[in-house]
Amino acid sequence: MSEITGLLSPTGWAPPRGYSNGVVAHGRIVVLAGQIGWNPSLAEFETDDFVLQVRQCLENIMVLLGEAGASSEHLVRLTWFITDRNRYIESTKRIGEVYRDVMGRHFPPMSVIVVSGLMEERALVEIEATAVIPE
């Protein structure tokens, strides 16, 4: 059971697409460092495909959430850092499919920030996550 007690959707605002404007939640907070699209066991990239790196980031987030006793329904925030805006836009359909496959149909507030590069040279995307677990 999620501790998200309400979605913030002001009257007159267009509905968000693929995310929430905001949430109200209470419970134990889990804050995850940015996850990149590499195999965390090897600390190596297995692909340079943008969408497959997104999948790996999301899978890494799910493993960490599991370690904390949480699941995707407990997410209250995702912040994406991407290195190529056009590649992201061109891939939105595939990204949506991968997201739903890994995370289900829970769409917390999200931000996407374009950066000139990430600390790992081959990283194309990094995703930070915040979750709230019921007390």
Protein backbone atom coordinates (compact mmCIF):
# COMPACT_ATOMS: atom_id res chain seq x y z
CA MET A 1 0.00 0.00 0.00
CA SER A 2 1.39 3.35 -1.03
CA GLU A 3 1.66 6.27 1.33
CA ILE A 4 0.92 8.70 -1.47
CA THR A 5 -2.17 10.36 -0.07
CA GLY A 6 -2.96 12.71 -2.91
CA LEU A 7 -2.00 13.79 -6.39
CA LEU A 8 -1.71 17.53 -6.96
CA SER A 9 -3.66 18.49 -10.06
CA PRO A 10 -4.94 22.08 -9.90
CA THR A 11 -8.23 22.97 -11.54
CA GLY A 12 -7.69 24.38 -15.01
CA TRP A 13 -4.30 22.74 -15.55
CA ALA A 14 -3.87 20.34 -18.46
CA PRO A 15 -3.36 16.77 -17.28
CA PRO A 16 0.34 15.80 -17.21
CA ARG A 17 1.50 13.17 -19.70
CA GLY A 18 3.47 10.31 -18.17
CA TYR A 19 4.08 11.92 -14.78
CA SER A 20 2.26 13.66 -11.91
CA ASN A 21 2.45 17.38 -11.16
CA GLY A 22 2.99 16.62 -7.50
CA VAL A 23 2.09 14.27 -4.68
CA VAL A 24 1.42 14.43 -0.97
CA ALA A 25 2.96 11.54 0.97
CA HIS A 26 4.07 10.53 4.46
CA GLY A 27 6.23 7.74 5.85
CA ARG A 28 9.87 6.64 5.77
CA ILE A 29 11.87 8.40 3.04
CA VAL A 30 14.23 6.50 0.73
CA VAL A 31 16.61 8.63 -1.36
CA LEU A 32 18.56 6.92 -4.14
CA ALA A 33 21.69 8.22 -5.79
CA GLY A 34 21.53 8.65 -9.54
CA GLN A 35 21.51 5.28 -11.29
CA ILE A 36 23.16 4.88 -14.66
CA GLY A 37 22.58 2.31 -17.36
CA TRP A 38 25.33 -0.12 -16.50
CA ASN A 39 25.38 -3.57 -15.03
CA PRO A 40 25.91 -2.77 -11.33
CA SER A 41 27.56 -6.13 -10.61
CA LEU A 42 30.30 -5.46 -13.14
CA ALA A 43 30.26 -1.64 -13.13
CA GLU A 44 30.32 -1.92 -16.92
CA PHE A 45 28.03 -0.83 -19.72
CA GLU A 46 26.54 -3.60 -21.83
CA THR A 47 25.01 -1.25 -24.40
CA ASP A 48 25.23 2.23 -25.89
CA ASP A 49 21.54 2.16 -26.84
CA PHE A 50 19.78 5.03 -25.05
CA VAL A 51 16.54 3.15 -24.32
CA LEU A 52 18.35 0.05 -23.08
CA GLN A 53 20.38 2.25 -20.74
CA VAL A 54 17.08 3.73 -19.49
CA ARG A 55 15.82 0.18 -18.85
CA GLN A 56 18.97 -0.66 -16.87
CA CYS A 57 18.66 2.55 -14.81
CA LEU A 58 15.07 1.68 -13.93
CA GLU A 59 15.97 -1.94 -13.12
CA ASN A 60 18.76 -0.71 -10.84
CA ILE A 61 16.28 1.59 -9.09
CA MET A 62 13.89 -1.33 -8.57
CA VAL A 63 16.65 -3.44 -6.98
CA LEU A 64 17.55 -0.62 -4.59
CA LEU A 65 13.89 0.00 -3.74
CA GLY A 66 13.55 -3.71 -2.97
CA GLU A 67 16.53 -3.49 -0.60
CA ALA A 68 14.61 -0.81 1.29
CA GLY A 69 11.36 -2.80 1.32
CA ALA A 70 9.77 -0.52 -1.27
CA SER A 71 8.40 -0.87 -4.78
CA SER A 72 7.67 1.49 -7.66
CA GLU A 73 4.32 2.50 -6.13
CA HIS A 74 6.27 4.19 -3.32
CA LEU A 75 8.14 6.52 -5.69
CA VAL A 76 7.38 10.19 -5.14
CA ARG A 77 10.06 11.71 -7.40
CA LEU A 78 12.29 10.82 -10.35
CA THR A 79 14.89 13.19 -11.75
CA TRP A 80 16.35 12.22 -15.12
CA PHE A 81 19.64 13.60 -16.41
CA ILE A 82 20.08 13.02 -20.14
CA THR A 83 22.91 13.89 -22.50
CA ASP A 84 20.88 14.20 -25.72
CA ARG A 85 17.49 15.96 -25.80
CA ASN A 86 16.73 14.90 -29.37
CA ARG A 87 17.48 11.25 -28.68
CA TYR A 88 15.15 11.40 -25.67
CA ILE A 89 12.32 12.98 -27.68
CA GLU A 90 12.78 10.54 -30.58
CA SER A 91 12.66 7.63 -28.12
CA THR A 92 9.67 8.65 -25.97
CA LYS A 93 7.43 5.83 -27.21
CA ARG A 94 10.08 3.17 -26.50
CA ILE A 95 10.96 4.83 -23.19
CA GLY A 96 7.28 4.69 -22.19
CA GLU A 97 7.11 0.99 -23.04
CA VAL A 98 10.27 0.24 -21.06
CA TYR A 99 9.09 2.37 -18.14
CA ARG A 100 5.72 0.58 -17.91
CA ASP A 101 7.43 -2.82 -18.28
CA VAL A 102 9.83 -2.17 -15.38
CA MET A 103 7.92 0.28 -13.16
CA GLY A 104 4.28 -0.48 -13.91
CA ARG A 105 1.71 2.27 -14.22
CA HIS A 106 2.83 4.49 -11.36
CA PHE A 107 3.94 7.89 -12.67
CA PRO A 108 5.44 10.07 -9.92
CA PRO A 109 6.51 13.67 -10.46
CA MET A 110 9.46 13.68 -12.85
CA SER A 111 11.95 16.19 -14.17
CA VAL A 112 14.21 15.71 -17.18
CA ILE A 113 17.38 17.78 -17.28
CA VAL A 114 19.72 17.96 -20.27
CA VAL A 115 23.39 17.91 -19.25
CA SER A 116 26.60 18.14 -21.24
CA GLY A 117 27.88 14.86 -19.83
CA LEU A 118 27.76 12.45 -16.92
CA MET A 119 30.60 11.22 -14.72
CA GLU A 120 30.80 7.88 -16.53
CA GLU A 121 31.72 8.70 -20.12
CA ARG A 122 29.45 6.06 -21.72
CA ALA A 123 26.44 7.00 -19.57
CA LEU A 124 23.63 8.51 -21.63
CA VAL A 125 21.13 8.82 -18.79
CA GLU A 126 21.15 8.96 -15.00
CA ILE A 127 18.01 8.77 -12.86
CA GLU A 128 17.69 9.79 -9.19
CA ALA A 129 14.73 8.47 -7.20
CA THR A 130 12.92 9.31 -3.99
CA ALA A 131 10.35 7.02 -2.39
CA VAL A 132 8.15 7.11 0.70
CA ILE A 133 7.46 3.80 2.45
CA PRO A 134 4.53 3.34 4.85
CA GLU A 135 5.54 3.45 8.53
